[in-house]
Amino acid sequence: MTEQIIALAIAMGASESQREVLEPLCAAAEQALTAQLRPGVTPESCADAFTVCAAWMALDGLYAAGGGGEVTSFTAGDVSIQTGGSGESGGLTAQIQRLMAPYLRDGGFYFQGVTG
């Protein structure tokens, strides 16, 4: 699946000349997302969202490492990314979390009923 993520990252704006740096970034993004998947969910079972999010993560790492600018607008099919000029990648991270939410383990805080 790493090759699909690399191809999508290149289609999203990375250049072929950045492939040497992009390959480990895509592999790391793939591993990071896979580790967060719910039991029984595989990268293949949510391939569309998985590849988009992994490519976003790799591009974010690529631009952060190179001091590049942040994405201000991107659309791929029904998915759209827009970030503000705040210099933070929190917006992209939040979009990744929202898109992958149905497939990821719940890492949030929750209350459990207490009798008393």
Protein backbone atom coordinates (compact mmCIF):
# COMPACT_ATOMS: atom_id res chain seq x y z
CA MET A 1 0.00 0.00 0.00
CA THR A 2 3.01 2.28 0.47
CA GLU A 3 3.36 2.70 -3.30
CA GLN A 4 -0.26 3.85 -3.55
CA ILE A 5 0.35 6.38 -0.76
CA ILE A 6 3.50 7.66 -2.49
CA ALA A 7 1.67 7.98 -5.82
CA LEU A 8 -1.15 9.92 -4.15
CA ALA A 9 1.29 12.21 -2.32
CA ILE A 10 2.97 12.99 -5.64
CA ALA A 11 -0.44 13.65 -7.20
CA MET A 12 -1.19 15.98 -4.28
CA GLY A 13 1.83 18.13 -4.97
CA ALA A 14 5.07 16.43 -3.99
CA SER A 15 7.54 16.22 -6.83
CA GLU A 16 9.07 13.04 -8.17
CA SER A 17 12.47 14.45 -7.17
CA GLN A 18 11.32 14.31 -3.52
CA ARG A 19 10.58 10.58 -3.76
CA GLU A 20 13.68 9.56 -1.80
CA VAL A 21 12.46 11.55 1.20
CA LEU A 22 8.80 10.78 0.55
CA GLU A 23 9.21 6.99 0.68
CA PRO A 24 10.16 6.72 4.38
CA LEU A 25 7.61 9.42 5.29
CA CYS A 26 4.84 7.46 3.57
CA ALA A 27 5.96 4.20 5.18
CA ALA A 28 6.00 5.86 8.61
CA ALA A 29 2.55 7.39 8.05
CA GLU A 30 1.23 3.98 6.99
CA GLN A 31 2.65 2.35 10.12
CA ALA A 32 1.33 5.10 12.40
CA LEU A 33 -2.20 4.88 11.01
CA THR A 34 -2.17 1.07 11.02
CA ALA A 35 -1.22 1.07 14.71
CA GLN A 36 -4.28 3.22 15.50
CA LEU A 37 -6.84 1.09 13.66
CA ARG A 38 -9.63 -0.61 15.61
CA PRO A 39 -9.34 -4.38 16.04
CA GLY A 40 -10.55 -6.12 12.91
CA VAL A 41 -10.02 -3.08 10.68
CA THR A 42 -7.25 -3.31 8.10
CA PRO A 43 -5.76 -0.61 5.90
CA GLU A 44 -7.35 -2.38 2.93
CA SER A 45 -10.84 -2.27 4.47
CA CYS A 46 -10.70 1.54 4.66
CA ALA A 47 -8.28 2.03 1.76
CA ASP A 48 -9.72 5.27 0.36
CA ALA A 49 -9.59 7.20 3.62
CA PHE A 50 -6.39 5.44 4.71
CA THR A 51 -4.36 6.34 1.62
CA VAL A 52 -5.56 9.97 1.61
CA CYS A 53 -4.74 10.44 5.29
CA ALA A 54 -1.37 8.71 5.05
CA ALA A 55 -0.46 10.87 2.05
CA TRP A 56 -1.51 14.01 3.98
CA MET A 57 0.64 12.95 6.91
CA ALA A 58 3.63 12.33 4.64
CA LEU A 59 3.17 15.66 2.84
CA ASP A 60 2.89 17.45 6.18
CA GLY A 61 6.18 15.85 7.22
CA LEU A 62 7.78 16.67 3.89
CA TYR A 63 6.83 20.34 4.06
CA ALA A 64 7.73 20.61 7.75
CA ALA A 65 11.16 19.07 7.11
CA GLY A 66 11.81 21.32 4.15
CA GLY A 67 10.43 24.45 5.76
CA GLY A 68 7.80 24.61 3.02
CA GLY A 69 4.54 26.44 3.24
CA GLU A 70 1.42 24.86 4.58
CA VAL A 71 -1.48 23.70 2.44
CA THR A 72 -4.05 26.46 2.01
CA SER A 73 -6.47 24.58 -0.23
CA PHE A 74 -6.66 21.09 -1.71
CA THR A 75 -9.55 19.07 -3.13
CA ALA A 76 -9.55 15.41 -4.17
CA GLY A 77 -13.00 14.18 -5.11
CA ASP A 78 -15.29 14.77 -2.15
CA VAL A 79 -12.41 15.50 0.24
CA SER A 80 -11.23 19.07 0.72
CA ILE A 81 -8.37 20.44 2.83
CA GLN A 82 -7.99 24.07 3.82
CA THR A 83 -5.68 25.36 6.50
CA GLY A 84 -5.28 28.82 7.88
CA GLY A 85 -2.11 30.85 7.94
CA SER A 86 -1.51 30.18 11.63
CA GLY A 87 1.57 28.07 11.00
CA GLU A 88 0.10 25.14 12.92
CA SER A 89 -0.59 21.71 11.45
CA GLY A 90 -3.41 21.13 13.97
CA GLY A 91 -6.04 21.74 11.30
CA LEU A 92 -4.66 19.01 9.08
CA THR A 93 -4.31 16.64 12.02
CA ALA A 94 -7.93 17.31 12.98
CA GLN A 95 -9.09 16.60 9.42
CA ILE A 96 -7.15 13.33 9.38
CA GLN A 97 -8.69 12.33 12.71
CA ARG A 98 -12.21 13.17 11.47
CA LEU A 99 -11.79 11.26 8.22
CA MET A 100 -10.32 8.20 9.95
CA ALA A 101 -12.60 8.36 13.03
CA PRO A 102 -14.83 5.42 12.01
CA TYR A 103 -11.77 3.20 11.69
CA LEU A 104 -9.57 4.30 14.62
CA ARG A 105 -9.54 3.18 18.21
CA ASP A 106 -11.25 5.63 20.50
CA GLY A 107 -8.45 7.52 22.17
CA GLY A 108 -10.66 10.09 23.83
CA PHE A 109 -11.82 10.48 27.38
CA TYR A 110 -15.19 9.12 28.40
CA PHE A 111 -17.33 8.98 31.51
CA GLN A 112 -18.67 5.78 32.91
CA GLY A 113 -21.77 5.73 35.08
CA VAL A 114 -21.16 5.52 38.79
CA THR A 115 -23.84 4.44 41.22
CA GLY A 116 -23.97 6.42 44.33
